[in-house]
PDB file of all heavy atoms in Angstrom:
ATOM      1  N   ALA A   1      -8.032 -55.461  43.141  1.00  0.00           N
ATOM      2  CA  ALA A   1      -8.578 -56.287  44.212  1.00  0.00           C
ATOM      3  C   ALA A   1      -7.690 -56.280  45.451  1.00  0.00           C
ATOM      4  O   ALA A   1      -7.901 -57.076  46.370  1.00  0.00           O
ATOM      5  CB  ALA A   1      -8.821 -57.724  43.752  1.00  0.00           C
ATOM      6  N   GLY A   2      -6.729 -55.378  45.485  1.00  0.00           N
ATOM      7  CA  GLY A   2      -5.826 -55.315  46.608  1.00  0.00           C
ATOM      8  C   GLY A   2      -6.311 -54.448  47.753  1.00  0.00           C
ATOM      9  O   GLY A   2      -5.688 -54.441  48.818  1.00  0.00           O
ATOM     10  N   SER A   3      -7.380 -53.720  47.531  1.00  0.00           N
ATOM     11  CA  SER A   3      -7.899 -52.823  48.549  1.00  0.00           C
ATOM     12  C   SER A   3      -9.416 -52.882  48.564  1.00  0.00           C
ATOM     13  O   SER A   3     -10.048 -52.848  47.509  1.00  0.00           O
ATOM     14  CB  SER A   3      -7.436 -51.388  48.278  1.00  0.00           C
ATOM     15  OG  SER A   3      -7.916 -50.495  49.257  1.00  0.00           O
ATOM     16  N   THR A   4      -9.977 -52.971  49.752  1.00  0.00           N
ATOM     17  CA  THR A   4     -11.428 -52.968  49.916  1.00  0.00           C
ATOM     18  C   THR A   4     -11.817 -52.025  51.038  1.00  0.00           C
ATOM     19  O   THR A   4     -11.045 -51.775  51.962  1.00  0.00           O
ATOM     20  CB  THR A   4     -11.971 -54.370  50.223  1.00  0.00           C
ATOM     21  OG1 THR A   4     -11.336 -54.876  51.408  1.00  0.00           O
ATOM     22  CG2 THR A   4     -11.707 -55.324  49.069  1.00  0.00           C
ATOM     23  N   ASP A   5     -13.018 -51.493  50.949  1.00  0.00           N
ATOM     24  CA  ASP A   5     -13.575 -50.631  51.976  1.00  0.00           C
ATOM     25  C   ASP A   5     -15.013 -51.039  52.221  1.00  0.00           C
ATOM     26  O   ASP A   5     -15.721 -51.436  51.299  1.00  0.00           O
ATOM     27  CB  ASP A   5     -13.509 -49.162  51.555  1.00  0.00           C
ATOM     28  CG  ASP A   5     -12.098 -48.645  51.422  1.00  0.00           C
ATOM     29  OD1 ASP A   5     -11.412 -48.546  52.459  1.00  0.00           O
ATOM     30  OD2 ASP A   5     -11.678 -48.345  50.293  1.00  0.00           O
ATOM     31  N   TYR A   6     -15.447 -50.893  53.473  1.00  0.00           N
ATOM     32  CA  TYR A   6     -16.793 -51.283  53.851  1.00  0.00           C
ATOM     33  C   TYR A   6     -17.430 -50.232  54.730  1.00  0.00           C
ATOM     34  O   TYR A   6     -16.758 -49.555  55.510  1.00  0.00           O
ATOM     35  CB  TYR A   6     -16.775 -52.609  54.619  1.00  0.00           C
ATOM     36  CG  TYR A   6     -16.233 -53.768  53.842  1.00  0.00           C
ATOM     37  CD1 TYR A   6     -14.884 -54.104  53.908  1.00  0.00           C
ATOM     38  CD2 TYR A   6     -17.071 -54.533  53.032  1.00  0.00           C
ATOM     39  CE1 TYR A   6     -14.386 -55.173  53.189  1.00  0.00           C
ATOM     40  CE2 TYR A   6     -16.570 -55.602  52.315  1.00  0.00           C
ATOM     41  CZ  TYR A   6     -15.226 -55.919  52.392  1.00  0.00           C
ATOM     42  OH  TYR A   6     -14.734 -56.983  51.675  1.00  0.00           O
ATOM     43  N   ALA A   7     -18.733 -50.121  54.601  1.00  0.00           N
ATOM     44  CA  ALA A   7     -19.477 -49.318  55.547  1.00  0.00           C
ATOM     45  C   ALA A   7     -19.359 -49.944  56.933  1.00  0.00           C
ATOM     46  O   ALA A   7     -19.283 -51.168  57.071  1.00  0.00           O
ATOM     47  CB  ALA A   7     -20.941 -49.236  55.138  1.00  0.00           C
ATOM     48  N   ASP A   8     -19.342 -49.101  57.949  1.00  0.00           N
ATOM     49  CA  ASP A   8     -19.219 -49.612  59.311  1.00  0.00           C
ATOM     50  C   ASP A   8     -20.319 -50.616  59.647  1.00  0.00           C
ATOM     51  O   ASP A   8     -20.092 -51.573  60.396  1.00  0.00           O
ATOM     52  CB  ASP A   8     -19.256 -48.463  60.314  1.00  0.00           C
ATOM     53  CG  ASP A   8     -17.994 -47.628  60.303  1.00  0.00           C
ATOM     54  OD1 ASP A   8     -16.964 -48.104  59.795  1.00  0.00           O
ATOM     55  OD2 ASP A   8     -18.040 -46.494  60.811  1.00  0.00           O
ATOM     56  N   SER A   9     -21.486 -50.412  59.089  1.00  0.00           N
ATOM     57  CA  SER A   9     -22.621 -51.261  59.409  1.00  0.00           C
ATOM     58  C   SER A   9     -22.484 -52.688  58.892  1.00  0.00           C
ATOM     59  O   SER A   9     -23.209 -53.575  59.349  1.00  0.00           O
ATOM     60  CB  SER A   9     -23.910 -50.644  58.857  1.00  0.00           C
ATOM     61  OG  SER A   9     -23.836 -50.486  57.453  1.00  0.00           O
ATOM     62  N   VAL A  10     -21.575 -52.916  57.950  1.00  0.00           N
ATOM     63  CA  VAL A  10     -21.444 -54.251  57.373  1.00  0.00           C
ATOM     64  C   VAL A  10     -20.074 -54.874  57.598  1.00  0.00           C
ATOM     65  O   VAL A  10     -19.858 -56.031  57.222  1.00  0.00           O
ATOM     66  CB  VAL A  10     -21.756 -54.251  55.862  1.00  0.00           C
ATOM     67  CG1 VAL A  10     -23.114 -53.627  55.594  1.00  0.00           C
ATOM     68  CG2 VAL A  10     -20.668 -53.539  55.069  1.00  0.00           C
ATOM     69  N   LYS A  11     -19.166 -54.142  58.213  1.00  0.00           N
ATOM     70  CA  LYS A  11     -17.829 -54.673  58.451  1.00  0.00           C
ATOM     71  C   LYS A  11     -17.892 -55.953  59.270  1.00  0.00           C
ATOM     72  O   LYS A  11     -18.614 -56.048  60.253  1.00  0.00           O
ATOM     73  CB  LYS A  11     -16.965 -53.641  59.177  1.00  0.00           C
ATOM     74  CG  LYS A  11     -16.478 -52.517  58.297  1.00  0.00           C
ATOM     75  CD  LYS A  11     -15.594 -51.547  59.077  1.00  0.00           C
ATOM     76  CE  LYS A  11     -15.081 -50.440  58.180  1.00  0.00           C
ATOM     77  NZ  LYS A  11     -14.275 -49.450  58.941  1.00  0.00           N
ATOM     78  N   GLY A  12     -17.132 -56.927  58.836  1.00  0.00           N
ATOM     79  CA  GLY A  12     -17.103 -58.210  59.507  1.00  0.00           C
ATOM     80  C   GLY A  12     -18.178 -59.163  59.054  1.00  0.00           C
ATOM     81  O   GLY A  12     -18.125 -60.354  59.402  1.00  0.00           O
ATOM     82  N   ARG A  13     -19.146 -58.676  58.297  1.00  0.00           N
ATOM     83  CA  ARG A  13     -20.235 -59.517  57.823  1.00  0.00           C
ATOM     84  C   ARG A  13     -20.256 -59.663  56.305  1.00  0.00           C
ATOM     85  O   ARG A  13     -20.607 -60.721  55.793  1.00  0.00           O
ATOM     86  CB  ARG A  13     -21.584 -58.960  58.289  1.00  0.00           C
ATOM     87  CG  ARG A  13     -21.722 -58.879  59.802  1.00  0.00           C
ATOM     88  CD  ARG A  13     -23.138 -58.494  60.214  1.00  0.00           C
ATOM     89  NE  ARG A  13     -23.511 -57.171  59.718  1.00  0.00           N
ATOM     90  CZ  ARG A  13     -24.523 -56.942  58.883  1.00  0.00           C
ATOM     91  NH1 ARG A  13     -25.274 -57.947  58.452  1.00  0.00           N
ATOM     92  NH2 ARG A  13     -24.802 -55.702  58.497  1.00  0.00           N
ATOM     93  N   PHE A  14     -19.905 -58.600  55.600  1.00  0.00           N
ATOM     94  CA  PHE A  14     -19.934 -58.608  54.139  1.00  0.00           C
ATOM     95  C   PHE A  14     -18.518 -58.657  53.588  1.00  0.00           C
ATOM     96  O   PHE A  14     -17.583 -58.095  54.175  1.00  0.00           O
ATOM     97  CB  PHE A  14     -20.616 -57.344  53.601  1.00  0.00           C
ATOM     98  CG  PHE A  14     -22.095 -57.256  53.846  1.00  0.00           C
ATOM     99  CD1 PHE A  14     -22.748 -58.129  54.699  1.00  0.00           C
ATOM    100  CD2 PHE A  14     -22.833 -56.276  53.203  1.00  0.00           C
ATOM    101  CE1 PHE A  14     -24.111 -58.032  54.924  1.00  0.00           C
ATOM    102  CE2 PHE A  14     -24.197 -56.170  53.407  1.00  0.00           C
ATOM    103  CZ  PHE A  14     -24.836 -57.043  54.265  1.00  0.00           C
ATOM    104  N   THR A  15     -18.376 -59.293  52.443  1.00  0.00           N
ATOM    105  CA  THR A  15     -17.095 -59.353  51.754  1.00  0.00           C
ATOM    106  C   THR A  15     -17.297 -59.081  50.274  1.00  0.00           C
ATOM    107  O   THR A  15     -18.082 -59.770  49.620  1.00  0.00           O
ATOM    108  CB  THR A  15     -16.418 -60.718  51.926  1.00  0.00           C
ATOM    109  OG1 THR A  15     -16.239 -61.003  53.318  1.00  0.00           O
ATOM    110  CG2 THR A  15     -15.050 -60.718  51.245  1.00  0.00           C
ATOM    111  N   ILE A  16     -16.607 -58.084  49.756  1.00  0.00           N
ATOM    112  CA  ILE A  16     -16.647 -57.808  48.332  1.00  0.00           C
ATOM    113  C   ILE A  16     -15.452 -58.473  47.669  1.00  0.00           C
ATOM    114  O   ILE A  16     -14.353 -58.504  48.231  1.00  0.00           O
ATOM    115  CB  ILE A  16     -16.670 -56.286  48.053  1.00  0.00           C
ATOM    116  CG1 ILE A  16     -16.909 -56.004  46.563  1.00  0.00           C
ATOM    117  CG2 ILE A  16     -15.399 -55.609  48.544  1.00  0.00           C
ATOM    118  CD1 ILE A  16     -17.185 -54.531  46.259  1.00  0.00           C
ATOM    119  N   SER A  17     -15.678 -59.026  46.500  1.00  0.00           N
ATOM    120  CA  SER A  17     -14.611 -59.671  45.762  1.00  0.00           C
ATOM    121  C   SER A  17     -14.876 -59.500  44.274  1.00  0.00           C
ATOM    122  O   SER A  17     -15.951 -59.051  43.871  1.00  0.00           O
ATOM    123  CB  SER A  17     -14.495 -61.152  46.131  1.00  0.00           C
ATOM    124  OG  SER A  17     -15.679 -61.856  45.807  1.00  0.00           O
ATOM    125  N   ARG A  18     -13.904 -59.859  43.482  1.00  0.00           N
ATOM    126  CA  ARG A  18     -14.091 -59.742  42.043  1.00  0.00           C
ATOM    127  C   ARG A  18     -13.357 -60.847  41.318  1.00  0.00           C
ATOM    128  O   ARG A  18     -12.332 -61.354  41.775  1.00  0.00           O
ATOM    129  CB  ARG A  18     -13.631 -58.362  41.547  1.00  0.00           C
ATOM    130  CG  ARG A  18     -12.135 -58.088  41.681  1.00  0.00           C
ATOM    131  CD  ARG A  18     -11.835 -56.600  41.501  1.00  0.00           C
ATOM    132  NE  ARG A  18     -12.326 -56.089  40.239  1.00  0.00           N
ATOM    133  CZ  ARG A  18     -12.499 -54.797  39.951  1.00  0.00           C
ATOM    134  NH1 ARG A  18     -12.215 -53.878  40.873  1.00  0.00           N
ATOM    135  NH2 ARG A  18     -12.957 -54.433  38.760  1.00  0.00           N
ATOM    136  N   ASP A  19     -13.896 -61.205  40.178  1.00  0.00           N
ATOM    137  CA  ASP A  19     -13.266 -62.142  39.270  1.00  0.00           C
ATOM    138  C   ASP A  19     -13.194 -61.435  37.933  1.00  0.00           C
ATOM    139  O   ASP A  19     -14.150 -61.442  37.158  1.00  0.00           O
ATOM    140  CB  ASP A  19     -14.059 -63.441  39.177  1.00  0.00           C
ATOM    141  CG  ASP A  19     -13.352 -64.494  38.347  1.00  0.00           C
ATOM    142  OD1 ASP A  19     -12.466 -64.152  37.547  1.00  0.00           O
ATOM    143  OD2 ASP A  19     -13.693 -65.688  38.499  1.00  0.00           O
ATOM    144  N   ASN A  20     -12.067 -60.811  37.678  1.00  0.00           N
ATOM    145  CA  ASN A  20     -11.948 -60.008  36.468  1.00  0.00           C
ATOM    146  C   ASN A  20     -12.012 -60.852  35.200  1.00  0.00           C
ATOM    147  O   ASN A  20     -12.445 -60.372  34.154  1.00  0.00           O
ATOM    148  CB  ASN A  20     -10.651 -59.194  36.504  1.00  0.00           C
ATOM    149  CG  ASN A  20     -10.714 -58.046  37.487  1.00  0.00           C
ATOM    150  OD1 ASN A  20     -11.783 -57.508  37.760  1.00  0.00           O
ATOM    151  ND2 ASN A  20      -9.562 -57.668  38.031  1.00  0.00           N
ATOM    152  N   ALA A  21     -11.591 -62.097  35.286  1.00  0.00           N
ATOM    153  CA  ALA A  21     -11.683 -62.980  34.131  1.00  0.00           C
ATOM    154  C   ALA A  21     -13.133 -63.203  33.725  1.00  0.00           C
ATOM    155  O   ALA A  21     -13.430 -63.422  32.547  1.00  0.00           O
ATOM    156  CB  ALA A  21     -11.005 -64.308  34.420  1.00  0.00           C
ATOM    157  N   LYS A  22     -14.032 -63.158  34.696  1.00  0.00           N
ATOM    158  CA  LYS A  22     -15.453 -63.319  34.428  1.00  0.00           C
ATOM    159  C   LYS A  22     -16.189 -61.996  34.347  1.00  0.00           C
ATOM    160  O   LYS A  22     -17.408 -61.978  34.148  1.00  0.00           O
ATOM    161  CB  LYS A  22     -16.098 -64.187  35.513  1.00  0.00           C
ATOM    162  CG  LYS A  22     -15.585 -65.612  35.560  1.00  0.00           C
ATOM    163  CD  LYS A  22     -16.298 -66.410  36.639  1.00  0.00           C
ATOM    164  CE  LYS A  22     -15.828 -67.845  36.655  1.00  0.00           C
ATOM    165  NZ  LYS A  22     -16.511 -68.632  37.720  1.00  0.00           N
ATOM    166  N   ASN A  23     -15.458 -60.898  34.533  1.00  0.00           N
ATOM    167  CA  ASN A  23     -16.059 -59.568  34.509  1.00  0.00           C
ATOM    168  C   ASN A  23     -17.211 -59.467  35.510  1.00  0.00           C
ATOM    169  O   ASN A  23     -18.271 -58.915  35.222  1.00  0.00           O
ATOM    170  CB  ASN A  23     -16.554 -59.208  33.105  1.00  0.00           C
ATOM    171  CG  ASN A  23     -15.896 -57.956  32.552  1.00  0.00           C
ATOM    172  OD1 ASN A  23     -14.760 -57.628  32.893  1.00  0.00           O
ATOM    173  ND2 ASN A  23     -16.605 -57.242  31.688  1.00  0.00           N
ATOM    174  N   THR A  24     -16.966 -59.983  36.692  1.00  0.00           N
ATOM    175  CA  THR A  24     -18.011 -60.085  37.697  1.00  0.00           C
ATOM    176  C   THR A  24     -17.495 -59.638  39.059  1.00  0.00           C
ATOM    177  O   THR A  24     -16.354 -59.934  39.434  1.00  0.00           O
ATOM    178  CB  THR A  24     -18.537 -61.525  37.792  1.00  0.00           C
ATOM    179  OG1 THR A  24     -19.062 -61.924  36.517  1.00  0.00           O
ATOM    180  CG2 THR A  24     -19.646 -61.637  38.828  1.00  0.00           C
ATOM    181  N   VAL A  25     -18.344 -58.926  39.781  1.00  0.00           N
ATOM    182  CA  VAL A  25     -18.069 -58.509  41.148  1.00  0.00           C
ATOM    183  C   VAL A  25     -19.097 -59.160  42.060  1.00  0.00           C
ATOM    184  O   VAL A  25     -20.277 -59.270  41.698  1.00  0.00           O
ATOM    185  CB  VAL A  25     -18.115 -56.980  41.285  1.00  0.00           C
ATOM    186  CG1 VAL A  25     -17.820 -56.547  42.712  1.00  0.00           C
ATOM    187  CG2 VAL A  25     -17.109 -56.341  40.338  1.00  0.00           C
ATOM    188  N   TYR A  26     -18.659 -59.564  43.230  1.00  0.00           N
ATOM    189  CA  TYR A  26     -19.527 -60.270  44.157  1.00  0.00           C
ATOM    190  C   TYR A  26     -19.625 -59.528  45.480  1.00  0.00           C
ATOM    191  O   TYR A  26     -18.736 -58.780  45.870  1.00  0.00           O
ATOM    192  CB  TYR A  26     -18.990 -61.675  44.440  1.00  0.00           C
ATOM    193  CG  TYR A  26     -18.784 -62.518  43.212  1.00  0.00           C
ATOM    194  CD1 TYR A  26     -17.531 -62.605  42.617  1.00  0.00           C
ATOM    195  CD2 TYR A  26     -19.835 -63.229  42.652  1.00  0.00           C
ATOM    196  CE1 TYR A  26     -17.334 -63.381  41.486  1.00  0.00           C
ATOM    197  CE2 TYR A  26     -19.646 -64.004  41.526  1.00  0.00           C
ATOM    198  CZ  TYR A  26     -18.390 -64.079  40.946  1.00  0.00           C
ATOM    199  OH  TYR A  26     -18.213 -64.858  39.825  1.00  0.00           O
ATOM    200  N   LEU A  27     -20.717 -59.769  46.160  1.00  0.00           N
ATOM    201  CA  LEU A  27     -20.869 -59.316  47.531  1.00  0.00           C
ATOM    202  C   LEU A  27     -21.396 -60.483  48.348  1.00  0.00           C
ATOM    203  O   LEU A  27     -22.565 -60.862  48.217  1.00  0.00           O
ATOM    204  CB  LEU A  27     -21.812 -58.117  47.630  1.00  0.00           C
ATOM    205  CG  LEU A  27     -21.938 -57.503  49.025  1.00  0.00           C
ATOM    206  CD1 LEU A  27     -20.627 -56.838  49.439  1.00  0.00           C
ATOM    207  CD2 LEU A  27     -23.080 -56.486  49.069  1.00  0.00           C
ATOM    208  N   GLN A  28     -20.528 -61.064  49.152  1.00  0.00           N
ATOM    209  CA  GLN A  28     -20.926 -62.131  50.054  1.00  0.00           C
ATOM    210  C   GLN A  28     -21.453 -61.500  51.326  1.00  0.00           C
ATOM    211  O   GLN A  28     -20.741 -60.748  51.992  1.00  0.00           O
ATOM    212  CB  GLN A  28     -19.742 -63.046  50.368  1.00  0.00           C
ATOM    213  CG  GLN A  28     -20.062 -64.175  51.340  1.00  0.00           C
ATOM    214  CD  GLN A  28     -21.034 -65.177  50.768  1.00  0.00           C
ATOM    215  OE1 GLN A  28     -20.882 -65.604  49.628  1.00  0.00           O
ATOM    216  NE2 GLN A  28     -22.045 -65.544  51.548  1.00  0.00           N
ATOM    217  N   MET A  29     -22.686 -61.807  51.668  1.00  0.00           N
ATOM    218  CA  MET A  29     -23.341 -61.215  52.820  1.00  0.00           C
ATOM    219  C   MET A  29     -23.668 -62.314  53.816  1.00  0.00           C
ATOM    220  O   MET A  29     -24.466 -63.210  53.524  1.00  0.00           O
ATOM    221  CB  MET A  29     -24.608 -60.474  52.406  1.00  0.00           C
ATOM    222  CG  MET A  29     -24.378 -59.415  51.332  1.00  0.00           C
ATOM    223  SD  MET A  29     -25.872 -58.456  50.964  1.00  0.00           S
ATOM    224  CE  MET A  29     -26.907 -59.756  50.277  1.00  0.00           C
ATOM    225  N   ASN A  30     -23.053 -62.245  54.965  1.00  0.00           N
ATOM    226  CA  ASN A  30     -23.278 -63.210  56.029  1.00  0.00           C
ATOM    227  C   ASN A  30     -23.900 -62.516  57.233  1.00  0.00           C
ATOM    228  O   ASN A  30     -23.860 -61.297  57.361  1.00  0.00           O
ATOM    229  CB  ASN A  30     -21.968 -63.877  56.444  1.00  0.00           C
ATOM    230  CG  ASN A  30     -21.318 -64.660  55.332  1.00  0.00           C
ATOM    231  OD1 ASN A  30     -21.989 -65.233  54.476  1.00  0.00           O
ATOM    232  ND2 ASN A  30     -19.987 -64.705  55.341  1.00  0.00           N
ATOM    233  N   SER A  31     -24.450 -63.316  58.115  1.00  0.00           N
ATOM    234  CA  SER A  31     -25.062 -62.799  59.344  1.00  0.00           C
ATOM    235  C   SER A  31     -26.011 -61.652  59.048  1.00  0.00           C
ATOM    236  O   SER A  31     -25.974 -60.594  59.681  1.00  0.00           O
ATOM    237  CB  SER A  31     -23.972 -62.350  60.328  1.00  0.00           C
ATOM    238  OG  SER A  31     -23.103 -63.418  60.649  1.00  0.00           O
ATOM    239  N   LEU A  32     -26.868 -61.865  58.082  1.00  0.00           N
ATOM    240  CA  LEU A  32     -27.765 -60.811  57.635  1.00  0.00           C
ATOM    241  C   LEU A  32     -28.742 -60.399  58.727  1.00  0.00           C
ATOM    242  O   LEU A  32     -29.208 -61.229  59.514  1.00  0.00           O
ATOM    243  CB  LEU A  32     -28.521 -61.251  56.395  1.00  0.00           C
ATOM    244  CG  LEU A  32     -27.687 -61.202  55.106  1.00  0.00           C
ATOM    245  CD1 LEU A  32     -28.330 -62.044  54.020  1.00  0.00           C
ATOM    246  CD2 LEU A  32     -27.527 -59.755  54.636  1.00  0.00           C
ATOM    247  N   LYS A  33     -29.034 -59.118  58.743  1.00  0.00           N
ATOM    248  CA  LYS A  33     -29.944 -58.524  59.699  1.00  0.00           C
ATOM    249  C   LYS A  33     -31.104 -57.871  58.967  1.00  0.00           C
ATOM    250  O   LYS A  33     -30.965 -57.478  57.813  1.00  0.00           O
ATOM    251  CB  LYS A  33     -29.217 -57.468  60.537  1.00  0.00           C
ATOM    252  CG  LYS A  33     -27.978 -57.958  61.259  1.00  0.00           C
ATOM    253  CD  LYS A  33     -27.258 -56.805  61.939  1.00  0.00           C
ATOM    254  CE  LYS A  33     -26.005 -57.269  62.640  1.00  0.00           C
ATOM    255  NZ  LYS A  33     -25.285 -56.140  63.299  1.00  0.00           N
ATOM    256  N   PRO A  34     -32.241 -57.723  59.630  1.00  0.00           N
ATOM    257  CA  PRO A  34     -33.365 -57.048  58.969  1.00  0.00           C
ATOM    258  C   PRO A  34     -33.006 -55.665  58.431  1.00  0.00           C
ATOM    259  O   PRO A  34     -33.537 -55.253  57.394  1.00  0.00           O
ATOM    260  CB  PRO A  34     -34.410 -56.963  60.078  1.00  0.00           C
ATOM    261  CG  PRO A  34     -34.128 -58.150  60.932  1.00  0.00           C
ATOM    262  CD  PRO A  34     -32.622 -58.276  60.935  1.00  0.00           C
TER     263      PRO A  34
END
């Protein structure tokens, strides 16, 4: 979880994160566009 990469189209709006204890990965999407 020390390194993340994003497509240019979503930089600044989306955030990827993970909770390894829960074996789950998340994608927080803000300022969504059509």
